[in-house]
């Protein structure tokens, strides 16, 4: 879902064989694209505004863990214990490769 975030408020970063999903409230425009795009239904928006997060402009860690290549397409994915060999959501659903909506040609 982070790859669809138009502002970069959600970031999926990789360090070696580990990943981290972070959120920066000050960059979020509440467009709900991430909610719709999240195949695992792990993202939701609250009606409550967290002023302390906006004022501090901090980055919160939402999830972290081991990253492995999808056995089908090779795209990095979080290891799922119930899914040997590891496959990403798109390959588990048979939908093909999904591309980002954000223009990265900077």
N, C-alpha and C. Protein backbone atom coordinates (compact mmCIF):
# COMPACT_ATOMS: atom_id res chain seq x y z
N UNK A 1 0.82 -1.20 0.00
CA UNK A 1 0.00 0.00 0.00
C UNK A 1 0.86 1.27 0.00
N UNK A 2 2.08 1.19 0.54
CA UNK A 2 2.93 2.37 0.61
C UNK A 2 3.32 2.86 -0.78
N UNK A 3 3.44 1.97 -1.73
CA UNK A 3 3.86 2.40 -3.07
C UNK A 3 2.79 3.24 -3.77
N UNK A 4 1.55 3.22 -3.27
CA UNK A 4 0.48 3.99 -3.86
C UNK A 4 0.26 5.34 -3.19
N UNK A 5 0.94 5.60 -2.08
CA UNK A 5 0.77 6.85 -1.34
C UNK A 5 1.31 8.03 -2.16
N UNK A 6 0.44 8.98 -2.53
CA UNK A 6 0.88 10.07 -3.40
C UNK A 6 1.80 11.09 -2.73
N UNK A 7 1.83 11.12 -1.41
CA UNK A 7 2.66 12.11 -0.71
C UNK A 7 3.89 11.52 -0.04
N UNK A 8 3.97 10.20 0.04
CA UNK A 8 5.08 9.58 0.74
C UNK A 8 4.88 9.50 2.24
N UNK A 9 3.65 9.75 2.71
CA UNK A 9 3.37 9.66 4.14
C UNK A 9 3.60 8.24 4.63
N UNK A 10 3.27 7.25 3.81
CA UNK A 10 3.59 5.85 4.09
C UNK A 10 4.87 5.52 3.35
N UNK A 11 5.83 4.96 4.05
CA UNK A 11 7.11 4.59 3.43
C UNK A 11 7.42 3.14 3.77
N UNK A 12 7.82 2.39 2.77
CA UNK A 12 8.26 1.01 2.94
C UNK A 12 9.74 1.01 2.65
N UNK A 13 10.57 0.79 3.67
CA UNK A 13 12.02 0.83 3.49
C UNK A 13 12.62 -0.55 3.74
N UNK A 14 13.74 -0.79 3.08
CA UNK A 14 14.43 -2.06 3.17
C UNK A 14 15.85 -1.82 3.65
N UNK A 15 16.26 -2.61 4.64
CA UNK A 15 17.64 -2.57 5.14
C UNK A 15 18.12 -4.01 5.22
N UNK A 16 18.91 -4.42 4.24
CA UNK A 16 19.36 -5.80 4.19
C UNK A 16 18.20 -6.74 3.92
N UNK A 17 17.94 -7.65 4.86
CA UNK A 17 16.83 -8.59 4.71
C UNK A 17 15.63 -8.21 5.56
N UNK A 18 15.61 -6.98 6.07
CA UNK A 18 14.51 -6.53 6.91
C UNK A 18 13.78 -5.37 6.26
N UNK A 19 12.50 -5.22 6.63
CA UNK A 19 11.70 -4.11 6.11
C UNK A 19 11.09 -3.35 7.28
N UNK A 20 10.68 -2.13 6.98
CA UNK A 20 9.93 -1.34 7.95
C UNK A 20 8.91 -0.50 7.20
N UNK A 21 7.70 -0.46 7.73
CA UNK A 21 6.64 0.38 7.19
C UNK A 21 6.44 1.51 8.17
N UNK A 22 6.60 2.75 7.70
CA UNK A 22 6.48 3.91 8.58
C UNK A 22 5.40 4.85 8.07
N UNK A 23 4.93 5.71 8.98
CA UNK A 23 3.88 6.68 8.65
C UNK A 23 4.24 8.04 9.23
N UNK A 24 4.10 9.08 8.40
CA UNK A 24 4.35 10.45 8.83
C UNK A 24 3.04 11.22 8.70
N UNK A 25 2.38 11.46 9.83
CA UNK A 25 1.06 12.09 9.84
C UNK A 25 1.05 13.45 9.17
N UNK A 26 2.11 14.23 9.32
CA UNK A 26 2.16 15.58 8.75
C UNK A 26 2.13 15.56 7.22
N UNK A 27 2.52 14.47 6.60
CA UNK A 27 2.54 14.38 5.14
C UNK A 27 1.25 13.78 4.57
N UNK A 28 0.40 13.24 5.43
CA UNK A 28 -0.83 12.56 4.98
C UNK A 28 -1.91 13.58 4.62
N UNK A 29 -2.55 13.37 3.47
CA UNK A 29 -3.65 14.24 3.03
C UNK A 29 -5.01 13.54 3.14
N UNK A 30 -5.04 12.39 3.78
CA UNK A 30 -6.27 11.60 4.00
C UNK A 30 -7.02 11.30 2.71
N UNK A 31 -6.27 10.95 1.67
CA UNK A 31 -6.87 10.66 0.37
C UNK A 31 -7.52 9.27 0.32
N UNK A 32 -7.19 8.40 1.25
CA UNK A 32 -7.68 7.03 1.41
C UNK A 32 -7.20 6.06 0.33
N UNK A 33 -6.27 6.48 -0.50
CA UNK A 33 -5.73 5.57 -1.52
C UNK A 33 -5.08 4.36 -0.86
N UNK A 34 -4.35 4.58 0.22
CA UNK A 34 -3.68 3.48 0.90
C UNK A 34 -4.67 2.47 1.47
N UNK A 35 -5.80 2.95 1.97
CA UNK A 35 -6.82 2.07 2.52
C UNK A 35 -7.37 1.16 1.43
N UNK A 36 -7.66 1.74 0.28
CA UNK A 36 -8.20 0.98 -0.84
C UNK A 36 -7.15 0.04 -1.42
N UNK A 37 -5.90 0.50 -1.49
CA UNK A 37 -4.84 -0.28 -2.13
C UNK A 37 -4.27 -1.38 -1.26
N UNK A 38 -4.47 -1.33 0.05
CA UNK A 38 -3.85 -2.30 0.95
C UNK A 38 -4.52 -3.67 0.80
N UNK A 39 -3.81 -4.64 0.23
CA UNK A 39 -4.42 -5.94 -0.01
C UNK A 39 -4.67 -6.73 1.28
N UNK A 40 -3.96 -6.40 2.33
CA UNK A 40 -4.09 -7.12 3.58
C UNK A 40 -5.09 -6.44 4.52
N UNK A 41 -5.68 -5.33 4.10
CA UNK A 41 -6.63 -4.56 4.92
C UNK A 41 -6.00 -4.15 6.25
N UNK A 42 -4.72 -3.80 6.20
CA UNK A 42 -3.98 -3.44 7.41
C UNK A 42 -3.98 -1.94 7.67
N UNK A 43 -4.47 -1.14 6.73
CA UNK A 43 -4.46 0.31 6.87
C UNK A 43 -5.89 0.80 7.07
N UNK A 44 -6.07 1.70 8.04
CA UNK A 44 -7.37 2.34 8.22
C UNK A 44 -7.14 3.77 8.68
N UNK A 45 -8.12 4.60 8.45
CA UNK A 45 -8.03 6.00 8.88
C UNK A 45 -8.98 6.23 10.04
N UNK A 46 -8.57 7.09 10.93
CA UNK A 46 -9.37 7.44 12.09
C UNK A 46 -10.02 8.80 11.88
N UNK A 47 -11.16 9.01 12.49
CA UNK A 47 -11.83 10.31 12.43
C UNK A 47 -11.16 11.31 13.37
N UNK A 48 -10.29 10.83 14.23
CA UNK A 48 -9.61 11.64 15.22
C UNK A 48 -8.32 12.20 14.66
N UNK A 49 -8.05 13.45 14.88
CA UNK A 49 -6.83 14.10 14.41
C UNK A 49 -5.80 14.10 15.53
N UNK A 50 -4.64 13.54 15.28
CA UNK A 50 -3.58 13.47 16.28
C UNK A 50 -2.69 14.71 16.15
N UNK A 51 -3.07 15.77 16.85
CA UNK A 51 -2.33 17.04 16.75
C UNK A 51 -0.88 16.90 17.18
N UNK A 52 -0.61 16.09 18.20
CA UNK A 52 0.77 15.95 18.66
C UNK A 52 1.65 15.34 17.56
N UNK A 53 1.11 14.40 16.79
CA UNK A 53 1.89 13.79 15.70
C UNK A 53 2.12 14.80 14.58
N UNK A 54 1.14 15.65 14.32
CA UNK A 54 1.30 16.66 13.27
C UNK A 54 2.32 17.72 13.68
N UNK A 55 2.24 18.17 14.92
CA UNK A 55 3.14 19.21 15.39
C UNK A 55 4.58 18.71 15.51
N UNK A 56 4.75 17.49 15.93
CA UNK A 56 6.09 16.95 16.11
C UNK A 56 6.70 16.53 14.77
N UNK A 57 5.87 16.37 13.76
CA UNK A 57 6.32 15.94 12.43
C UNK A 57 7.19 14.69 12.54
N UNK A 58 6.74 13.76 13.38
CA UNK A 58 7.51 12.54 13.60
C UNK A 58 7.08 11.43 12.65
N UNK A 59 7.95 10.46 12.52
CA UNK A 59 7.69 9.28 11.69
C UNK A 59 7.49 8.10 12.64
N UNK A 60 6.33 7.46 12.54
CA UNK A 60 5.99 6.33 13.41
C UNK A 60 6.20 5.02 12.67
N UNK A 61 6.77 4.05 13.35
CA UNK A 61 6.95 2.72 12.78
C UNK A 61 5.65 1.93 12.94
N UNK A 62 5.11 1.43 11.82
CA UNK A 62 3.87 0.67 11.86
C UNK A 62 4.10 -0.83 11.86
N UNK A 63 5.10 -1.29 11.12
CA UNK A 63 5.39 -2.72 11.04
C UNK A 63 6.84 -2.90 10.62
N UNK A 64 7.42 -4.01 11.07
CA UNK A 64 8.76 -4.36 10.64
C UNK A 64 8.91 -5.87 10.70
N UNK A 65 9.87 -6.38 9.93
CA UNK A 65 10.08 -7.82 9.91
C UNK A 65 11.03 -8.23 8.82
N UNK A 66 11.03 -9.53 8.54
CA UNK A 66 11.93 -10.10 7.54
C UNK A 66 11.34 -9.94 6.15
N UNK A 67 12.18 -9.60 5.21
CA UNK A 67 11.78 -9.39 3.82
C UNK A 67 12.39 -10.49 2.96
N UNK A 68 11.56 -11.09 2.12
CA UNK A 68 12.03 -12.14 1.22
C UNK A 68 11.47 -11.87 -0.17
N UNK A 69 12.10 -12.44 -1.17
CA UNK A 69 11.62 -12.28 -2.55
C UNK A 69 10.44 -13.23 -2.77
N UNK A 70 9.42 -12.73 -3.45
CA UNK A 70 8.28 -13.57 -3.82
C UNK A 70 8.78 -14.70 -4.72
N UNK A 71 8.37 -15.91 -4.43
CA UNK A 71 8.81 -17.07 -5.20
C UNK A 71 8.31 -17.03 -6.64
N UNK A 72 7.27 -16.26 -6.88
CA UNK A 72 6.68 -16.18 -8.21
C UNK A 72 7.29 -15.08 -9.08
N UNK A 73 7.30 -13.84 -8.54
CA UNK A 73 7.71 -12.69 -9.36
C UNK A 73 9.01 -12.04 -8.90
N UNK A 74 9.49 -12.38 -7.69
CA UNK A 74 10.73 -11.81 -7.19
C UNK A 74 10.59 -10.49 -6.48
N UNK A 75 9.38 -9.91 -6.45
CA UNK A 75 9.16 -8.64 -5.76
C UNK A 75 9.29 -8.87 -4.26
N UNK A 76 10.02 -8.00 -3.54
CA UNK A 76 10.18 -8.17 -2.10
C UNK A 76 8.82 -8.18 -1.39
N UNK A 77 8.68 -9.07 -0.45
CA UNK A 77 7.44 -9.19 0.32
C UNK A 77 7.77 -9.61 1.74
N UNK A 78 6.89 -9.31 2.66
CA UNK A 78 7.08 -9.73 4.05
C UNK A 78 6.88 -11.23 4.14
N UNK A 79 7.71 -11.86 4.96
CA UNK A 79 7.58 -13.31 5.14
C UNK A 79 6.27 -13.59 5.88
N UNK A 80 5.50 -14.52 5.33
CA UNK A 80 4.25 -14.95 5.95
C UNK A 80 4.41 -16.41 6.36
N UNK A 81 4.26 -16.72 7.64
CA UNK A 81 4.49 -18.09 8.10
C UNK A 81 3.58 -19.11 7.41
N UNK A 82 2.39 -18.74 7.04
CA UNK A 82 1.44 -19.68 6.44
C UNK A 82 1.58 -19.77 4.93
N UNK A 83 2.63 -19.20 4.35
CA UNK A 83 2.74 -19.13 2.90
C UNK A 83 4.08 -19.65 2.39
N UNK A 84 4.41 -20.92 2.61
CA UNK A 84 5.65 -21.43 2.01
C UNK A 84 5.38 -21.95 0.61
N UNK A 85 6.16 -21.71 -0.42
CA UNK A 85 7.20 -20.69 -0.46
C UNK A 85 6.59 -19.29 -0.44
N UNK A 86 7.37 -18.30 -0.01
CA UNK A 86 6.81 -16.95 0.15
C UNK A 86 6.32 -16.37 -1.17
N UNK A 87 5.10 -15.84 -1.13
CA UNK A 87 4.53 -15.16 -2.30
C UNK A 87 3.86 -13.88 -1.85
N UNK A 88 3.97 -12.84 -2.66
CA UNK A 88 3.32 -11.57 -2.38
C UNK A 88 1.82 -11.68 -2.60
N UNK A 89 1.08 -10.69 -2.12
CA UNK A 89 -0.38 -10.71 -2.23
C UNK A 89 -0.84 -10.81 -3.67
N UNK A 90 -0.21 -10.07 -4.56
CA UNK A 90 -0.62 -10.06 -5.96
C UNK A 90 -0.48 -11.45 -6.57
N UNK A 91 0.63 -12.12 -6.29
CA UNK A 91 0.84 -13.47 -6.83
C UNK A 91 -0.10 -14.48 -6.17
N UNK A 92 -0.40 -14.29 -4.87
CA UNK A 92 -1.34 -15.19 -4.21
C UNK A 92 -2.72 -15.09 -4.84
N UNK A 93 -3.07 -13.89 -5.32
CA UNK A 93 -4.38 -13.66 -5.93
C UNK A 93 -4.38 -13.91 -7.43
N UNK A 94 -3.20 -14.06 -8.04
CA UNK A 94 -3.10 -14.30 -9.48
C UNK A 94 -3.40 -13.09 -10.33
N UNK A 95 -3.16 -11.87 -9.79
CA UNK A 95 -3.52 -10.65 -10.51
C UNK A 95 -2.41 -10.09 -11.39
N UNK A 96 -1.20 -10.61 -11.33
CA UNK A 96 -0.11 -10.07 -12.13
C UNK A 96 0.61 -8.96 -11.39
N UNK A 97 1.55 -8.34 -12.06
CA UNK A 97 2.40 -7.32 -11.43
C UNK A 97 1.65 -5.99 -11.35
N UNK A 98 1.72 -5.33 -10.19
CA UNK A 98 1.07 -4.04 -9.95
C UNK A 98 2.15 -2.96 -9.96
N UNK A 99 1.89 -1.84 -10.60
CA UNK A 99 2.87 -0.75 -10.65
C UNK A 99 2.43 0.42 -9.79
N UNK A 100 3.39 1.24 -9.38
CA UNK A 100 3.11 2.40 -8.53
C UNK A 100 2.36 3.48 -9.30
N UNK A 101 1.57 4.27 -8.56
CA UNK A 101 0.82 5.36 -9.15
C UNK A 101 1.56 6.69 -9.04
N UNK A 102 2.58 6.77 -8.21
CA UNK A 102 3.32 8.00 -7.99
C UNK A 102 4.40 8.13 -9.06
N UNK A 103 4.58 9.32 -9.61
CA UNK A 103 5.61 9.55 -10.61
C UNK A 103 6.96 9.63 -9.92
N UNK A 104 7.85 8.69 -10.22
CA UNK A 104 9.16 8.63 -9.57
C UNK A 104 10.27 9.15 -10.47
N UNK A 105 9.94 9.81 -11.58
CA UNK A 105 10.93 10.29 -12.55
C UNK A 105 11.39 11.68 -12.13
N UNK A 106 12.16 11.75 -11.07
CA UNK A 106 12.65 13.05 -10.59
C UNK A 106 14.11 13.16 -10.92
